[in-house]
C-alpha atoms as a PDB file:
ATOM      1  CA  UNK A   1     100.619 146.235  14.652  1.00  0.00           C
ATOM      2  CA  UNK A   2      99.794 145.700  18.113  1.00  0.00           C
ATOM      3  CA  UNK A   3     102.284 143.389  19.952  1.00  0.00           C
ATOM      4  CA  UNK A   4     100.623 140.766  21.986  1.00  0.00           C
ATOM      5  CA  UNK A   5     102.458 139.016  24.839  1.00  0.00           C
ATOM      6  CA  UNK A   6     101.285 135.352  23.500  1.00  0.00           C
ATOM      7  CA  UNK A   7     103.147 132.259  23.459  1.00  0.00           C
ATOM      8  CA  UNK A   8     102.541 129.929  20.342  1.00  0.00           C
ATOM      9  CA  UNK A   9     102.107 126.381  20.913  1.00  0.00           C
ATOM     10  CA  UNK A  10     105.148 124.415  22.235  1.00  0.00           C
ATOM     11  CA  UNK A  11     105.538 122.047  19.290  1.00  0.00           C
ATOM     12  CA  UNK A  12     108.254 119.999  21.319  1.00  0.00           C
ATOM     13  CA  UNK A  13     106.076 119.485  24.270  1.00  0.00           C
ATOM     14  CA  UNK A  14     103.268 118.224  21.768  1.00  0.00           C
ATOM     15  CA  UNK A  15     105.704 115.944  19.985  1.00  0.00           C
ATOM     16  CA  UNK A  16     106.819 114.524  23.482  1.00  0.00           C
ATOM     17  CA  UNK A  17     103.438 114.084  24.512  1.00  0.00           C
ATOM     18  CA  UNK A  18     102.789 112.149  21.225  1.00  0.00           C
ATOM     19  CA  UNK A  19     105.635 109.867  21.742  1.00  0.00           C
ATOM     20  CA  UNK A  20     104.525 109.270  25.332  1.00  0.00           C
ATOM     21  CA  UNK A  21     101.082 108.010  24.293  1.00  0.00           C
ATOM     22  CA  UNK A  22     102.958 105.432  21.890  1.00  0.00           C
ATOM     23  CA  UNK A  23     105.949 104.417  24.010  1.00  0.00           C
ATOM     24  CA  UNK A  24     105.534 105.634  27.666  1.00  0.00           C
ATOM     25  CA  UNK A  25     108.808 103.949  28.482  1.00  0.00           C
ATOM     26  CA  UNK A  26     110.676 106.444  26.378  1.00  0.00           C
ATOM     27  CA  UNK A  27     109.759 109.208  28.338  1.00  0.00           C
ATOM     28  CA  UNK A  28     111.923 110.168  31.293  1.00  0.00           C
ATOM     29  CA  UNK A  29     112.800 112.947  33.681  1.00  0.00           C
ATOM     30  CA  UNK A  30     116.049 115.239  33.524  1.00  0.00           C
ATOM     31  CA  UNK A  31     117.266 118.736  34.664  1.00  0.00           C
ATOM     32  CA  UNK A  32     117.171 121.261  32.028  1.00  0.00           C
ATOM     33  CA  UNK A  33     119.494 124.326  31.609  1.00  0.00           C
ATOM     34  CA  UNK A  34     117.342 126.360  34.014  1.00  0.00           C
ATOM     35  CA  UNK A  35     117.693 123.801  36.836  1.00  0.00           C
ATOM     36  CA  UNK A  36     114.219 122.600  36.684  1.00  0.00           C
ATOM     37  CA  UNK A  37     112.790 119.138  36.270  1.00  0.00           C
ATOM     38  CA  UNK A  38     111.045 118.539  33.005  1.00  0.00           C
ATOM     39  CA  UNK A  39     110.046 115.417  30.901  1.00  0.00           C
ATOM     40  CA  UNK A  40     112.185 114.642  27.999  1.00  0.00           C
ATOM     41  CA  UNK A  41     112.529 111.740  25.453  1.00  0.00           C
ATOM     42  CA  UNK A  42     114.874 108.759  26.386  1.00  0.00           C
ATOM     43  CA  UNK A  43     116.323 108.575  22.798  1.00  0.00           C
ATOM     44  CA  UNK A  44     118.563 105.722  23.570  1.00  0.00           C
ATOM     45  CA  UNK A  45     115.127 103.683  24.462  1.00  0.00           C
ATOM     46  CA  UNK A  46     113.278 105.087  21.513  1.00  0.00           C
ATOM     47  CA  UNK A  47     115.935 103.839  19.293  1.00  0.00           C
ATOM     48  CA  UNK A  48     115.758 100.488  20.790  1.00  0.00           C
ATOM     49  CA  UNK A  49     111.722 100.410  20.294  1.00  0.00           C
ATOM     50  CA  UNK A  50     112.440 101.227  16.583  1.00  0.00           C
ATOM     51  CA  UNK A  51     115.366  98.776  16.060  1.00  0.00           C
ATOM     52  CA  UNK A  52     115.681  95.064  15.572  1.00  0.00           C
ATOM     53  CA  UNK A  53     119.024  94.775  17.214  1.00  0.00           C
ATOM     54  CA  UNK A  54     120.402  95.877  20.571  1.00  0.00           C
ATOM     55  CA  UNK A  55     121.308  99.509  20.834  1.00  0.00           C
ATOM     56  CA  UNK A  56     123.877 100.758  23.099  1.00  0.00           C
ATOM     57  CA  UNK A  57     123.917 103.921  24.824  1.00  0.00           C
ATOM     58  CA  UNK A  58     124.445 105.520  28.205  1.00  0.00           C
ATOM     59  CA  UNK A  59     123.180 109.119  29.625  1.00  0.00           C
ATOM     60  CA  UNK A  60     122.627 110.058  33.186  1.00  0.00           C
ATOM     61  CA  UNK A  61     118.640 109.931  33.680  1.00  0.00           C
ATOM     62  CA  UNK A  62     116.059 108.559  36.095  1.00  0.00           C
ATOM     63  CA  UNK A  63     115.233 105.051  34.763  1.00  0.00           C
ATOM     64  CA  UNK A  64     114.556 101.615  36.111  1.00  0.00           C
ATOM     65  CA  UNK A  65     116.850  98.965  34.415  1.00  0.00           C
ATOM     66  CA  UNK A  66     118.667  95.645  34.741  1.00  0.00           C
ATOM     67  CA  UNK A  67     120.912  93.458  32.752  1.00  0.00           C
ATOM     68  CA  UNK A  68     119.574  92.157  29.416  1.00  0.00           C
ATOM     69  CA  UNK A  69     116.744  94.781  29.407  1.00  0.00           C
ATOM     70  CA  UNK A  70     117.286  95.453  25.802  1.00  0.00           C
ATOM     71  CA  UNK A  71     117.097  91.899  25.083  1.00  0.00           C
ATOM     72  CA  UNK A  72     113.798  91.608  26.728  1.00  0.00           C
ATOM     73  CA  UNK A  73     112.567  94.477  24.532  1.00  0.00           C
ATOM     74  CA  UNK A  74     113.830  92.789  21.498  1.00  0.00           C
ATOM     75  CA  UNK A  75     111.914  89.604  22.691  1.00  0.00           C
ATOM     76  CA  UNK A  76     108.836  91.355  22.699  1.00  0.00           C
ATOM     77  CA  UNK A  77     109.168  93.322  19.327  1.00  0.00           C
ATOM     78  CA  UNK A  78     110.622  90.137  17.195  1.00  0.00           C
ATOM     79  CA  UNK A  79     108.304  88.403  14.862  1.00  0.00           C
ATOM     80  CA  UNK A  80     107.585  84.836  15.146  1.00  0.00           C
ATOM     81  CA  UNK A  81     106.541  82.412  12.274  1.00  0.00           C
ATOM     82  CA  UNK A  82     104.145  80.317  13.912  1.00  0.00           C
ATOM     83  CA  UNK A  83     100.301  80.016  13.855  1.00  0.00           C
ATOM     84  CA  UNK A  84      97.253  78.715  16.017  1.00  0.00           C
ATOM     85  CA  UNK A  85      96.265  75.101  15.097  1.00  0.00           C
ATOM     86  CA  UNK A  86      92.377  74.270  16.137  1.00  0.00           C
ATOM     87  CA  UNK A  87      91.832  71.145  17.964  1.00  0.00           C
ATOM     88  CA  UNK A  88      88.543  69.924  16.889  1.00  0.00           C
ATOM     89  CA  UNK A  89      88.686  66.501  18.533  1.00  0.00           C
ATOM     90  CA  UNK A  90      89.278  67.930  21.937  1.00  0.00           C
ATOM     91  CA  UNK A  91      87.010  70.819  21.716  1.00  0.00           C
ATOM     92  CA  UNK A  92      83.052  70.994  22.635  1.00  0.00           C
ATOM     93  CA  UNK A  93      80.782  72.478  20.088  1.00  0.00           C
ATOM     94  CA  UNK A  94      83.775  74.175  18.249  1.00  0.00           C
ATOM     95  CA  UNK A  95      81.630  75.948  15.408  1.00  0.00           C
ATOM     96  CA  UNK A  96      79.220  77.867  17.759  1.00  0.00           C
ATOM     97  CA  UNK A  97      81.210  78.206  21.129  1.00  0.00           C
ATOM     98  CA  UNK A  98      82.197  81.787  22.175  1.00  0.00           C
ATOM     99  CA  UNK A  99      84.904  80.541  24.443  1.00  0.00           C
ATOM    100  CA  UNK A 100      88.577  80.032  23.320  1.00  0.00           C
ATOM    101  CA  UNK A 101      91.442  78.161  25.423  1.00  0.00           C
ATOM    102  CA  UNK A 102      94.903  78.366  24.074  1.00  0.00           C
ATOM    103  CA  UNK A 103      97.628  76.074  25.007  1.00  0.00           C
ATOM    104  CA  UNK A 104     101.400  76.986  24.410  1.00  0.00           C
ATOM    105  CA  UNK A 105     104.086  79.474  25.282  1.00  0.00           C
ATOM    106  CA  UNK A 106     102.370  82.432  26.559  1.00  0.00           C
ATOM    107  CA  UNK A 107     104.993  84.948  24.897  1.00  0.00           C
ATOM    108  CA  UNK A 108     104.340  83.233  21.295  1.00  0.00           C
ATOM    109  CA  UNK A 109     100.555  83.227  21.946  1.00  0.00           C
ATOM    110  CA  UNK A 110     100.552  87.013  22.959  1.00  0.00           C
ATOM    111  CA  UNK A 111     102.120  87.655  19.753  1.00  0.00           C
ATOM    112  CA  UNK A 112      99.769  85.687  17.635  1.00  0.00           C
ATOM    113  CA  UNK A 113      96.559  87.214  19.255  1.00  0.00           C
ATOM    114  CA  UNK A 114      97.930  90.665  18.027  1.00  0.00           C
ATOM    115  CA  UNK A 115      96.568  90.241  14.677  1.00  0.00           C
ATOM    116  CA  UNK A 116      92.870  89.581  16.000  1.00  0.00           C
ATOM    117  CA  UNK A 117      92.542  91.063  19.330  1.00  0.00           C
ATOM    118  CA  UNK A 118      94.983  94.193  18.929  1.00  0.00           C
ATOM    119  CA  UNK A 119      93.186  97.036  21.237  1.00  0.00           C
ATOM    120  CA  UNK A 120      90.354  94.894  21.706  1.00  0.00           C
ATOM    121  CA  UNK A 121      90.335  93.043  25.125  1.00  0.00           C
ATOM    122  CA  UNK A 122      88.609  94.486  27.915  1.00  0.00           C
ATOM    123  CA  UNK A 123      90.325  92.713  30.825  1.00  0.00           C
ATOM    124  CA  UNK A 124      93.445  90.768  31.149  1.00  0.00           C
ATOM    125  CA  UNK A 125      94.123  88.612  34.547  1.00  0.00           C
ATOM    126  CA  UNK A 126      97.653  87.000  34.872  1.00  0.00           C
ATOM    127  CA  UNK A 127      99.050  85.106  37.676  1.00  0.00           C
ATOM    128  CA  UNK A 128     102.723  84.821  37.027  1.00  0.00           C
ATOM    129  CA  UNK A 129     105.371  83.211  39.103  1.00  0.00           C
ATOM    130  CA  UNK A 130     105.996  84.964  42.320  1.00  0.00           C
ATOM    131  CA  UNK A 131     109.768  84.442  42.308  1.00  0.00           C
ATOM    132  CA  UNK A 132     109.944  82.891  45.557  1.00  0.00           C
ATOM    133  CA  UNK A 133     112.897  80.612  44.499  1.00  0.00           C
ATOM    134  CA  UNK A 134     110.972  77.508  43.686  1.00  0.00           C
ATOM    135  CA  UNK A 135     108.116  78.541  41.453  1.00  0.00           C
ATOM    136  CA  UNK A 136     110.269  80.087  38.515  1.00  0.00           C
ATOM    137  CA  UNK A 137     112.733  77.798  36.464  1.00  0.00           C
ATOM    138  CA  UNK A 138     114.767  79.190  33.685  1.00  0.00           C
ATOM    139  CA  UNK A 139     117.857  78.394  31.372  1.00  0.00           C
ATOM    140  CA  UNK A 140     120.116  81.192  29.668  1.00  0.00           C
ATOM    141  CA  UNK A 141     118.232  81.167  26.535  1.00  0.00           C
ATOM    142  CA  UNK A 142     114.629  80.711  27.100  1.00  0.00           C
ATOM    143  CA  UNK A 143     112.678  82.061  30.461  1.00  0.00           C
ATOM    144  CA  UNK A 144     109.477  79.966  31.387  1.00  0.00           C
ATOM    145  CA  UNK A 145     107.209  79.551  34.401  1.00  0.00           C
ATOM    146  CA  UNK A 146     107.255  76.488  36.578  1.00  0.00           C
ATOM    147  CA  UNK A 147     104.080  75.103  35.248  1.00  0.00           C
ATOM    148  CA  UNK A 148     105.222  75.051  31.628  1.00  0.00           C
ATOM    149  CA  UNK A 149     107.985  72.769  32.334  1.00  0.00           C
ATOM    150  CA  UNK A 150     107.291  71.473  35.773  1.00  0.00           C
ATOM    151  CA  UNK A 151     108.075  67.814  35.150  1.00  0.00           C
ATOM    152  CA  UNK A 152     111.640  68.956  33.972  1.00  0.00           C
ATOM    153  CA  UNK A 153     112.277  71.393  36.764  1.00  0.00           C
ATOM    154  CA  UNK A 154     115.927  70.886  37.850  1.00  0.00           C
ATOM    155  CA  UNK A 155     116.457  68.527  34.663  1.00  0.00           C
ATOM    156  CA  UNK A 156     116.236  69.147  30.955  1.00  0.00           C
ATOM    157  CA  UNK A 157     114.048  70.941  28.428  1.00  0.00           C
ATOM    158  CA  UNK A 158     113.074  69.557  25.124  1.00  0.00           C
ATOM    159  CA  UNK A 159     116.351  70.925  23.595  1.00  0.00           C
ATOM    160  CA  UNK A 160     118.648  69.480  26.124  1.00  0.00           C
ATOM    161  CA  UNK A 161     118.985  72.798  28.308  1.00  0.00           C
ATOM    162  CA  UNK A 162     119.471  72.172  31.791  1.00  0.00           C
ATOM    163  CA  UNK A 163     116.683  73.779  33.683  1.00  0.00           C
ATOM    164  CA  UNK A 164     117.389  75.304  37.401  1.00  0.00           C
ATOM    165  CA  UNK A 165     115.259  77.004  39.845  1.00  0.00           C
ATOM    166  CA  UNK A 166     115.728  80.829  40.331  1.00  0.00           C
ATOM    167  CA  UNK A 167     117.235  80.812  43.941  1.00  0.00           C
ATOM    168  CA  UNK A 168     118.552  83.648  45.954  1.00  0.00           C
ATOM    169  CA  UNK A 169     121.997  82.285  45.474  1.00  0.00           C
ATOM    170  CA  UNK A 170     121.746  83.139  41.759  1.00  0.00           C
ATOM    171  CA  UNK A 171     123.163  86.426  40.921  1.00  0.00           C
ATOM    172  CA  UNK A 172     120.591  87.198  38.357  1.00  0.00           C
ATOM    173  CA  UNK A 173     117.515  86.520  40.858  1.00  0.00           C
ATOM    174  CA  UNK A 174     115.608  89.564  39.896  1.00  0.00           C
ATOM    175  CA  UNK A 175     117.011  89.890  36.399  1.00  0.00           C
ATOM    176  CA  UNK A 176     115.811  86.729  35.257  1.00  0.00           C
ATOM    177  CA  UNK A 177     112.437  87.126  36.398  1.00  0.00           C
ATOM    178  CA  UNK A 178     112.190  90.900  35.028  1.00  0.00           C
ATOM    179  CA  UNK A 179     113.325  89.680  31.700  1.00  0.00           C
ATOM    180  CA  UNK A 180     110.556  86.943  31.586  1.00  0.00           C
ATOM    181  CA  UNK A 181     107.633  89.292  32.699  1.00  0.00           C
ATOM    182  CA  UNK A 182     108.775  92.296  30.533  1.00  0.00           C
ATOM    183  CA  UNK A 183     107.976  91.248  26.831  1.00  0.00           C
ATOM    184  CA  UNK A 184     104.934  89.711  28.004  1.00  0.00           C
ATOM    185  CA  UNK A 185     103.494  92.879  29.663  1.00  0.00           C
ATOM    186  CA  UNK A 186     104.432  94.968  26.729  1.00  0.00           C
ATOM    187  CA  UNK A 187     102.396  92.532  24.454  1.00  0.00           C
ATOM    188  CA  UNK A 188      99.451  92.553  26.849  1.00  0.00           C
ATOM    189  CA  UNK A 189      99.340  96.417  26.628  1.00  0.00           C
ATOM    190  CA  UNK A 190      98.770  96.396  22.924  1.00  0.00           C
ATOM    191  CA  UNK A 191      95.983  93.861  23.393  1.00  0.00           C
ATOM    192  CA  UNK A 192      94.046  95.978  25.897  1.00  0.00           C
ATOM    193  CA  UNK A 193      91.231  98.368  24.810  1.00  0.00           C
ATOM    194  CA  UNK A 194      91.180 102.103  25.658  1.00  0.00           C
ATOM    195  CA  UNK A 195      89.000 101.219  28.854  1.00  0.00           C
ATOM    196  CA  UNK A 196      90.825  97.893  29.316  1.00  0.00           C
ATOM    197  CA  UNK A 197      92.067  96.648  32.699  1.00  0.00           C
ATOM    198  CA  UNK A 198      95.103  94.400  33.585  1.00  0.00           C
ATOM    199  CA  UNK A 199      94.913  92.594  36.890  1.00  0.00           C
ATOM    200  CA  UNK A 200      97.855  90.798  38.290  1.00  0.00           C
ATOM    201  CA  UNK A 201      98.393  88.779  41.489  1.00  0.00           C
ATOM    202  CA  UNK A 202     101.710  88.987  43.061  1.00  0.00           C
ATOM    203  CA  UNK A 203     103.099  88.774  46.563  1.00  0.00           C
ATOM    204  CA  UNK A 204     105.976  90.887  47.961  1.00  0.00           C
ATOM    205  CA  UNK A 205     108.817  89.207  46.493  1.00  0.00           C
ATOM    206  CA  UNK A 206     108.445  91.201  43.298  1.00  0.00           C
ATOM    207  CA  UNK A 207     105.746  93.534  43.871  1.00  0.00           C
ATOM    208  CA  UNK A 208     107.848  96.503  43.782  1.00  0.00           C
ATOM    209  CA  UNK A 209     109.664  95.708  40.619  1.00  0.00           C
ATOM    210  CA  UNK A 210     106.202  94.852  39.041  1.00  0.00           C
ATOM    211  CA  UNK A 211     104.773  98.119  39.856  1.00  0.00           C
ATOM    212  CA  UNK A 212     107.787 100.019  38.504  1.00  0.00           C
ATOM    213  CA  UNK A 213     107.881  97.947  35.192  1.00  0.00           C
ATOM    214  CA  UNK A 214     104.205  98.547  34.912  1.00  0.00           C
ATOM    215  CA  UNK A 215     104.590 102.367  35.440  1.00  0.00           C
ATOM    216  CA  UNK A 216     107.086 102.079  32.754  1.00  0.00           C
ATOM    217  CA  UNK A 217     105.143 100.061  30.153  1.00  0.00           C
ATOM    218  CA  UNK A 218     101.688 101.708  30.857  1.00  0.00           C
ATOM    219  CA  UNK A 219     102.369 104.841  32.160  1.00  0.00           C
ATOM    220  CA  UNK A 220     102.180 105.883  35.968  1.00  0.00           C
ATOM    221  CA  UNK A 221      98.692 107.785  35.120  1.00  0.00           C
ATOM    222  CA  UNK A 222      97.159 104.446  34.482  1.00  0.00           C
ATOM    223  CA  UNK A 223      97.855 102.722  37.813  1.00  0.00           C
ATOM    224  CA  UNK A 224      94.718 102.227  39.545  1.00  0.00           C
ATOM    225  CA  UNK A 225      95.918 100.643  42.806  1.00  0.00           C
ATOM    226  CA  UNK A 226      96.685  97.629  44.984  1.00  0.00           C
ATOM    227  CA  UNK A 227      93.843  95.327  46.147  1.00  0.00           C
ATOM    228  CA  UNK A 228      95.021  93.660  49.271  1.00  0.00           C
ATOM    229  CA  UNK A 229      93.443  90.118  50.069  1.00  0.00           C
ATOM    230  CA  UNK A 230      93.346  89.553  53.678  1.00  0.00           C
ATOM    231  CA  UNK A 231      94.657  86.025  54.447  1.00  0.00           C
ATOM    232  CA  UNK A 232      94.499  83.785  57.542  1.00  0.00           C
ATOM    233  CA  UNK A 233      96.418  85.250  60.558  1.00  0.00           C
ATOM    234  CA  UNK A 234      99.615  83.435  60.883  1.00  0.00           C
ATOM    235  CA  UNK A 235     100.355  82.513  64.774  1.00  0.00           C
ATOM    236  CA  UNK A 236     104.285  83.235  64.249  1.00  0.00           C
ATOM    237  CA  UNK A 237     106.020  85.901  62.744  1.00  0.00           C
ATOM    238  CA  UNK A 238     109.070  85.515  60.298  1.00  0.00           C
ATOM    239  CA  UNK A 239     111.598  86.249  62.672  1.00  0.00           C
ATOM    240  CA  UNK A 240     111.404  90.111  62.067  1.00  0.00           C
ATOM    241  CA  UNK A 241     108.492  90.963  64.487  1.00  0.00           C
ATOM    242  CA  UNK A 242     105.874  91.284  61.589  1.00  0.00           C
ATOM    243  CA  UNK A 243     102.806  89.109  61.637  1.00  0.00           C
ATOM    244  CA  UNK A 244     101.728  88.657  57.826  1.00  0.00           C
ATOM    245  CA  UNK A 245      98.025  88.931  57.088  1.00  0.00           C
ATOM    246  CA  UNK A 246      98.322  90.260  53.566  1.00  0.00           C
END
């Protein structure tokens, strides 16, 4: 039989590609035995995605991480025992309208929408807190935006937990914001259709972290770009010689 110098299909690469489609955040970069850079599965992260408790593990690799990131993954994957209740008395033409307005914690609502709108949403637009130090309040057990408990900011929530603004003096300034936005973006991804698009309003306070986060959750190949809004020219700079217009 004539020997042909042909290579069979790389099953490992094919399996990595399949996992990448399902869990883009579980694909990382590493140096192989030949000293070349290659894609590989982050098994610690994959175990976390397939587990209902925090999985510990440490391996040198390219990654974007912060304290309690694994808990943020659990927050996205954990089921809830709640349902949506129609408010007919507050609605207009409830039986015939094609519009739906939902009031409630957006993390819980995103989970409830999975059953009906999984992979069906064409566009999601979000305007999360910019984490300026004043627009985001939190406590140790539950992260929320300022508009959800604006009347309680710096006071107490319904369960008696003291709420404080997320200022730079807080050692977890970026961490708390990332733990709030991460599970919400993961749930939003599952709602989007194949040709769906996610639009996010953000300023420079968390823009870099947000792009890294979206690259991990959605895959860097799905990044379309930044749309910059030109604002009114400021007459004075911020003390660093840069006049901000965007």
